[in-house]
Amino acid sequence: MQDILNSSQAARVIGCGPQKVRERIKRGIWTFGTIVTAKEAGNTQNSYEINKYQLAAYLGIPPEEVDRRWKGGQAHEN
């Protein structure tokens, strides 16, 4: 699996909307992601890169659980 998620994928893992992920990363509330500005990337819109391992640590779950949630599988309860 990939180690970098976009805001939509991270939102699916967390259980919220992609806009909430983008806003909280932009404001510095959530530190597990970074903004790649449109100017840096040569695009017309900013993009967001979320590190899977930092997201897992923030949520207190193993990285494998991030993969399961992102794929849409059943969340595994420990």
C-alpha atoms as a PDB file:
ATOM      1  CA  MET A   1       0.000   0.000   0.000  1.00  0.00           C
ATOM      2  CA  GLN A   2       1.028   3.568  -0.424  1.00  0.00           C
ATOM      3  CA  ASP A   3       2.450   5.594   2.438  1.00  0.00           C
ATOM      4  CA  ILE A   4       0.977   8.955   1.370  1.00  0.00           C
ATOM      5  CA  LEU A   5      -2.788   9.518   1.329  1.00  0.00           C
ATOM      6  CA  ASN A   6      -4.766  12.425  -0.087  1.00  0.00           C
ATOM      7  CA  SER A   7      -7.429  14.292   1.865  1.00  0.00           C
ATOM      8  CA  SER A   8     -10.294  12.119   0.570  1.00  0.00           C
ATOM      9  CA  GLN A   9      -8.541   8.903   1.533  1.00  0.00           C
ATOM     10  CA  ALA A  10      -7.613  10.245   4.977  1.00  0.00           C
ATOM     11  CA  ALA A  11     -11.202  11.408   5.512  1.00  0.00           C
ATOM     12  CA  ARG A  12     -12.441   7.888   4.837  1.00  0.00           C
ATOM     13  CA  VAL A  13     -10.015   6.505   7.439  1.00  0.00           C
ATOM     14  CA  ILE A  14     -10.939   9.125  10.044  1.00  0.00           C
ATOM     15  CA  GLY A  15     -14.665   9.085   9.340  1.00  0.00           C
ATOM     16  CA  CYS A  16     -15.195  12.717   8.387  1.00  0.00           C
ATOM     17  CA  GLY A  17     -15.418  14.819   5.240  1.00  0.00           C
ATOM     18  CA  PRO A  18     -12.412  15.688   3.047  1.00  0.00           C
ATOM     19  CA  GLN A  19     -12.973  19.416   3.582  1.00  0.00           C
ATOM     20  CA  LYS A  20     -12.605  18.955   7.349  1.00  0.00           C
ATOM     21  CA  VAL A  21      -9.254  17.227   6.787  1.00  0.00           C
ATOM     22  CA  ARG A  22      -8.052  20.021   4.487  1.00  0.00           C
ATOM     23  CA  GLU A  23      -9.132  22.817   6.826  1.00  0.00           C
ATOM     24  CA  ARG A  24      -7.622  21.276   9.954  1.00  0.00           C
ATOM     25  CA  ILE A  25      -4.308  20.596   8.227  1.00  0.00           C
ATOM     26  CA  LYS A  26      -4.300  24.121   6.796  1.00  0.00           C
ATOM     27  CA  ARG A  27      -4.907  25.618  10.258  1.00  0.00           C
ATOM     28  CA  GLY A  28      -2.265  23.406  11.883  1.00  0.00           C
ATOM     29  CA  ILE A  29      -4.746  21.591  14.113  1.00  0.00           C
ATOM     30  CA  TRP A  30      -3.795  18.218  12.625  1.00  0.00           C
ATOM     31  CA  THR A  31      -0.044  17.839  12.118  1.00  0.00           C
ATOM     32  CA  PHE A  32      -0.001  14.481  10.319  1.00  0.00           C
ATOM     33  CA  GLY A  33      -0.320  16.107   6.881  1.00  0.00           C
ATOM     34  CA  THR A  34       1.272  18.806   4.769  1.00  0.00           C
ATOM     35  CA  ILE A  35       0.035  21.226   2.137  1.00  0.00           C
ATOM     36  CA  VAL A  36       1.603  21.187  -1.310  1.00  0.00           C
ATOM     37  CA  THR A  37       0.753  24.593  -2.685  1.00  0.00           C
ATOM     38  CA  ALA A  38      -0.439  24.980  -6.246  1.00  0.00           C
ATOM     39  CA  LYS A  39       2.607  27.115  -7.012  1.00  0.00           C
ATOM     40  CA  GLU A  40       5.016  24.424  -5.748  1.00  0.00           C
ATOM     41  CA  ALA A  41       3.308  21.674  -7.714  1.00  0.00           C
ATOM     42  CA  GLY A  42       2.586  23.716 -10.832  1.00  0.00           C
ATOM     43  CA  ASN A  43      -1.139  23.058 -10.466  1.00  0.00           C
ATOM     44  CA  THR A  44      -4.192  25.256 -10.087  1.00  0.00           C
ATOM     45  CA  GLN A  45      -5.171  23.938  -6.634  1.00  0.00           C
ATOM     46  CA  ASN A  46      -3.396  23.062  -3.425  1.00  0.00           C
ATOM     47  CA  SER A  47      -3.053  19.396  -2.606  1.00  0.00           C
ATOM     48  CA  TYR A  48      -2.629  17.672   0.730  1.00  0.00           C
ATOM     49  CA  GLU A  49      -0.302  14.811   1.583  1.00  0.00           C
ATOM     50  CA  ILE A  50      -1.077  12.748   4.674  1.00  0.00           C
ATOM     51  CA  ASN A  51       1.544  10.332   5.979  1.00  0.00           C
ATOM     52  CA  LYS A  52      -0.118   6.986   6.728  1.00  0.00           C
ATOM     53  CA  TYR A  53       2.141   6.225   9.691  1.00  0.00           C
ATOM     54  CA  GLN A  54       1.678   9.635  11.301  1.00  0.00           C
ATOM     55  CA  LEU A  55      -2.092   9.342  10.808  1.00  0.00           C
ATOM     56  CA  ALA A  56      -2.073   5.895  12.430  1.00  0.00           C
ATOM     57  CA  ALA A  57      -0.077   7.231  15.387  1.00  0.00           C
ATOM     58  CA  TYR A  58      -2.471  10.180  15.773  1.00  0.00           C
ATOM     59  CA  LEU A  59      -5.494   7.858  15.774  1.00  0.00           C
ATOM     60  CA  GLY A  60      -3.768   5.311  18.025  1.00  0.00           C
ATOM     61  CA  ILE A  61      -4.221   2.444  15.571  1.00  0.00           C
ATOM     62  CA  PRO A  62      -1.750   0.242  13.652  1.00  0.00           C
ATOM     63  CA  PRO A  63      -0.933   1.195  10.029  1.00  0.00           C
ATOM     64  CA  GLU A  64      -2.649  -2.002   8.859  1.00  0.00           C
ATOM     65  CA  GLU A  65      -5.919  -0.666  10.290  1.00  0.00           C
ATOM     66  CA  VAL A  66      -5.467   2.504   8.214  1.00  0.00           C
ATOM     67  CA  ASP A  67      -5.208   0.300   5.120  1.00  0.00           C
ATOM     68  CA  ARG A  68      -8.341  -1.659   6.086  1.00  0.00           C
ATOM     69  CA  ARG A  69     -10.381   1.485   6.703  1.00  0.00           C
ATOM     70  CA  TRP A  70      -9.137   3.104   3.509  1.00  0.00           C
ATOM     71  CA  LYS A  71     -10.084   0.071   1.435  1.00  0.00           C
ATOM     72  CA  GLY A  72     -13.533   0.082   3.026  1.00  0.00           C
ATOM     73  CA  GLY A  73     -13.147  -3.145   4.950  1.00  0.00           C
ATOM     74  CA  GLN A  74     -14.513  -3.816   8.396  1.00  0.00           C
ATOM     75  CA  ALA A  75     -12.699  -1.937  11.124  1.00  0.00           C
ATOM     76  CA  HIS A  76     -10.947  -4.446  13.351  1.00  0.00           C
ATOM     77  CA  GLU A  77     -11.589  -4.053  17.050  1.00  0.00           C
ATOM     78  CA  ASN A  78      -8.775  -5.128  19.382  1.00  0.00           C
END
